[in-house]
Amino acid sequence: QVQLVESGGGLVQAGGSLRLSCAASGLPYSNRALAWFRQAPGKRREFVAGISWRLRTTYYTESVKGRFTISRDNAKDTMYLEMNSLKPEDTAVYYCAVRREDPGSRYEETDSYDYWGQGSQVTVSS
């Protein structure tokens, strides 16, 4: 049974930092594309950051470049999203997602992911 278990969300003031974690178990493949998405109330789920499990190549949406860092720990089967200089517009439910690495799919494609975490609320107050 595949599980992606998220932790680390919370309430923080603007300018503060949070780190999200996503621990995976039971994944049926080792060559993976990992990503974080977020969804604010009334908005569509959007791509935030992605990383190749094998190559460590990273991808970010423009609004978080220089502030957020995606990483993964292969030994712990865990991915992370370090979020610094948080802004009120970063407020959303954040989801981790995993799929098989596929050169024909872009990391931003929400529907390309097979497995999703349960979501972590991140609230940034002004």
C-alpha atoms as a PDB file:
ATOM      1  CA  GLN A   1       0.000   0.000   0.000  1.00  0.00           C
ATOM      2  CA  VAL A   2       1.416   3.346  -1.058  1.00  0.00           C
ATOM      3  CA  GLN A   3       1.494   6.112   1.507  1.00  0.00           C
ATOM      4  CA  LEU A   4       2.707   9.689   1.333  1.00  0.00           C
ATOM      5  CA  VAL A   5       2.553  11.224   4.795  1.00  0.00           C
ATOM      6  CA  GLU A   6       3.078  14.950   5.108  1.00  0.00           C
ATOM      7  CA  SER A   7       4.107  16.956   8.142  1.00  0.00           C
ATOM      8  CA  GLY A   8       5.351  20.418   9.025  1.00  0.00           C
ATOM      9  CA  GLY A   9       2.612  22.846   8.086  1.00  0.00           C
ATOM     10  CA  GLY A  10       1.404  25.599  10.384  1.00  0.00           C
ATOM     11  CA  LEU A  11       0.893  29.283  11.000  1.00  0.00           C
ATOM     12  CA  VAL A  12       3.759  31.717  10.519  1.00  0.00           C
ATOM     13  CA  GLN A  13       4.163  35.463  10.192  1.00  0.00           C
ATOM     14  CA  ALA A  14       5.186  37.044   6.918  1.00  0.00           C
ATOM     15  CA  GLY A  15       8.934  36.734   6.459  1.00  0.00           C
ATOM     16  CA  GLY A  16       9.082  33.544   8.476  1.00  0.00           C
ATOM     17  CA  SER A  17      10.038  30.003   7.506  1.00  0.00           C
ATOM     18  CA  LEU A  18       8.526  26.536   7.501  1.00  0.00           C
ATOM     19  CA  ARG A  19       9.705  23.136   6.324  1.00  0.00           C
ATOM     20  CA  LEU A  20       7.338  20.548   4.931  1.00  0.00           C
ATOM     21  CA  SER A  21       8.194  16.846   4.874  1.00  0.00           C
ATOM     22  CA  CYS A  22       6.670  14.026   2.865  1.00  0.00           C
ATOM     23  CA  ALA A  23       7.572  10.475   3.858  1.00  0.00           C
ATOM     24  CA  ALA A  24       6.892   7.805   1.248  1.00  0.00           C
ATOM     25  CA  SER A  25       6.349   4.079   1.645  1.00  0.00           C
ATOM     26  CA  GLY A  26       5.259   1.266  -0.634  1.00  0.00           C
ATOM     27  CA  LEU A  27       6.052   3.040  -3.904  1.00  0.00           C
ATOM     28  CA  PRO A  28       6.171   0.523  -6.759  1.00  0.00           C
ATOM     29  CA  TYR A  29       8.983   2.215  -8.670  1.00  0.00           C
ATOM     30  CA  SER A  30      12.360   3.728  -7.818  1.00  0.00           C
ATOM     31  CA  ASN A  31      12.845   6.149 -10.725  1.00  0.00           C
ATOM     32  CA  ARG A  32      10.569   8.942  -9.526  1.00  0.00           C
ATOM     33  CA  ALA A  33       9.559  12.487 -10.177  1.00  0.00           C
ATOM     34  CA  LEU A  34       8.656  14.277  -6.964  1.00  0.00           C
ATOM     35  CA  ALA A  35       6.761  17.516  -6.614  1.00  0.00           C
ATOM     36  CA  TRP A  36       4.993  19.908  -4.311  1.00  0.00           C
ATOM     37  CA  PHE A  37       1.728  21.556  -5.306  1.00  0.00           C
ATOM     38  CA  ARG A  38      -0.499  23.986  -3.444  1.00  0.00           C
ATOM     39  CA  GLN A  39      -4.118  24.974  -3.531  1.00  0.00           C
ATOM     40  CA  ALA A  40      -5.509  28.182  -2.095  1.00  0.00           C
ATOM     41  CA  PRO A  41      -9.247  28.584  -1.371  1.00  0.00           C
ATOM     42  CA  GLY A  42     -11.202  29.064  -4.570  1.00  0.00           C
ATOM     43  CA  LYS A  43      -8.177  28.456  -6.774  1.00  0.00           C
ATOM     44  CA  ARG A  44      -6.862  25.584  -8.837  1.00  0.00           C
ATOM     45  CA  ARG A  45      -4.082  23.383  -7.554  1.00  0.00           C
ATOM     46  CA  GLU A  46      -0.774  24.774  -8.799  1.00  0.00           C
ATOM     47  CA  PHE A  47       2.746  23.470  -9.167  1.00  0.00           C
ATOM     48  CA  VAL A  48       5.283  24.796  -6.678  1.00  0.00           C
ATOM     49  CA  ALA A  49       8.480  22.755  -7.054  1.00  0.00           C
ATOM     50  CA  GLY A  50       9.749  19.466  -8.457  1.00  0.00           C
ATOM     51  CA  ILE A  51      12.837  17.278  -8.191  1.00  0.00           C
ATOM     52  CA  SER A  52      14.137  14.207  -9.955  1.00  0.00           C
ATOM     53  CA  TRP A  53      14.765  11.350  -7.500  1.00  0.00           C
ATOM     54  CA  ARG A  54      17.704  10.118  -9.523  1.00  0.00           C
ATOM     55  CA  LEU A  55      19.234  13.271 -11.000  1.00  0.00           C
ATOM     56  CA  ARG A  56      18.453  15.848  -8.277  1.00  0.00           C
ATOM     57  CA  THR A  57      17.413  18.291 -11.009  1.00  0.00           C
ATOM     58  CA  THR A  58      15.035  20.867  -9.540  1.00  0.00           C
ATOM     59  CA  TYR A  59      12.200  22.971 -10.937  1.00  0.00           C
ATOM     60  CA  TYR A  60      10.318  25.901  -9.389  1.00  0.00           C
ATOM     61  CA  THR A  61       7.409  28.094 -10.239  1.00  0.00           C
ATOM     62  CA  GLU A  62       8.543  31.669 -10.715  1.00  0.00           C
ATOM     63  CA  SER A  63       6.866  33.078  -7.618  1.00  0.00           C
ATOM     64  CA  VAL A  64       8.879  30.889  -5.219  1.00  0.00           C
ATOM     65  CA  LYS A  65      12.303  30.950  -6.861  1.00  0.00           C
ATOM     66  CA  GLY A  66      14.965  32.078  -4.421  1.00  0.00           C
ATOM     67  CA  ARG A  67      12.652  31.511  -1.435  1.00  0.00           C
ATOM     68  CA  PHE A  68      11.709  27.811  -1.545  1.00  0.00           C
ATOM     69  CA  THR A  69      14.012  24.801  -1.825  1.00  0.00           C
ATOM     70  CA  ILE A  70      12.934  21.273  -2.684  1.00  0.00           C
ATOM     71  CA  SER A  71      15.130  18.362  -1.667  1.00  0.00           C
ATOM     72  CA  ARG A  72      14.959  14.649  -0.996  1.00  0.00           C
ATOM     73  CA  ASP A  73      16.683  12.113   1.199  1.00  0.00           C
ATOM     74  CA  ASN A  74      16.864   8.791  -0.603  1.00  0.00           C
ATOM     75  CA  ALA A  75      17.878   6.865   2.504  1.00  0.00           C
ATOM     76  CA  LYS A  76      14.793   8.088   4.381  1.00  0.00           C
ATOM     77  CA  ASP A  77      12.499   7.972   1.344  1.00  0.00           C
ATOM     78  CA  THR A  78      11.459  11.510   2.218  1.00  0.00           C
ATOM     79  CA  MET A  79      11.141  14.758   0.305  1.00  0.00           C
ATOM     80  CA  TYR A  80      11.170  18.244   1.764  1.00  0.00           C
ATOM     81  CA  LEU A  81      10.104  21.769   0.935  1.00  0.00           C
ATOM     82  CA  GLU A  82      12.022  24.463   2.767  1.00  0.00           C
ATOM     83  CA  MET A  83      10.049  27.710   2.610  1.00  0.00           C
ATOM     84  CA  ASN A  84      11.702  30.999   3.542  1.00  0.00           C
ATOM     85  CA  SER A  85      10.619  34.637   3.323  1.00  0.00           C
ATOM     86  CA  LEU A  86       7.018  33.493   3.356  1.00  0.00           C
ATOM     87  CA  LYS A  87       4.337  35.852   2.099  1.00  0.00           C
ATOM     88  CA  PRO A  88       0.590  35.937   2.782  1.00  0.00           C
ATOM     89  CA  GLU A  89       0.005  34.856  -0.828  1.00  0.00           C
ATOM     90  CA  ASP A  90       1.813  31.594  -0.036  1.00  0.00           C
ATOM     91  CA  THR A  91      -1.128  30.618   2.166  1.00  0.00           C
ATOM     92  CA  ALA A  92      -2.572  27.350   0.846  1.00  0.00           C
ATOM     93  CA  VAL A  93      -2.858  23.636   1.420  1.00  0.00           C
ATOM     94  CA  TYR A  94       0.367  22.067   0.210  1.00  0.00           C
ATOM     95  CA  TYR A  95       0.456  18.587  -1.310  1.00  0.00           C
ATOM     96  CA  CYS A  96       3.369  16.322  -2.155  1.00  0.00           C
ATOM     97  CA  ALA A  97       3.042  14.162  -5.256  1.00  0.00           C
ATOM     98  CA  VAL A  98       4.963  11.321  -6.878  1.00  0.00           C
ATOM     99  CA  ARG A  99       4.985   9.663 -10.284  1.00  0.00           C
ATOM    100  CA  ARG A 100       7.331   7.601 -12.364  1.00  0.00           C
ATOM    101  CA  GLU A 101      10.043   9.671 -14.008  1.00  0.00           C
ATOM    102  CA  ASP A 102       8.898  10.372 -17.562  1.00  0.00           C
ATOM    103  CA  PRO A 103      10.843  12.652 -19.952  1.00  0.00           C
ATOM    104  CA  GLY A 104       7.613  13.186 -21.888  1.00  0.00           C
ATOM    105  CA  SER A 105       5.789  14.770 -18.947  1.00  0.00           C
ATOM    106  CA  ARG A 106       6.418  18.152 -17.444  1.00  0.00           C
ATOM    107  CA  TYR A 107       6.702  18.422 -13.670  1.00  0.00           C
ATOM    108  CA  GLU A 108       3.938  21.053 -13.721  1.00  0.00           C
ATOM    109  CA  GLU A 109       1.325  18.646 -15.061  1.00  0.00           C
ATOM    110  CA  THR A 110      -0.965  17.964 -12.119  1.00  0.00           C
ATOM    111  CA  ASP A 111      -2.735  15.027 -13.764  1.00  0.00           C
ATOM    112  CA  SER A 112       0.529  13.183 -14.429  1.00  0.00           C
ATOM    113  CA  TYR A 113       1.026  12.248 -10.761  1.00  0.00           C
ATOM    114  CA  ASP A 114      -0.011   8.872  -9.380  1.00  0.00           C
ATOM    115  CA  TYR A 115       0.156   9.442  -5.645  1.00  0.00           C
ATOM    116  CA  TRP A 116      -0.613  12.392  -3.407  1.00  0.00           C
ATOM    117  CA  GLY A 117      -0.070  13.298   0.230  1.00  0.00           C
ATOM    118  CA  GLN A 118      -2.948  14.221   2.503  1.00  0.00           C
ATOM    119  CA  GLY A 119      -2.208  17.957   2.378  1.00  0.00           C
ATOM    120  CA  SER A 120      -0.672  20.350   4.898  1.00  0.00           C
ATOM    121  CA  GLN A 121      -2.135  23.739   5.721  1.00  0.00           C
ATOM    122  CA  VAL A 122       0.326  26.628   5.524  1.00  0.00           C
ATOM    123  CA  THR A 123      -0.993  29.969   6.723  1.00  0.00           C
ATOM    124  CA  VAL A 124       1.088  33.134   6.492  1.00  0.00           C
ATOM    125  CA  SER A 125      -0.198  36.134   8.418  1.00  0.00           C
ATOM    126  CA  SER A 126       0.619  39.700   7.433  1.00  0.00           C
END
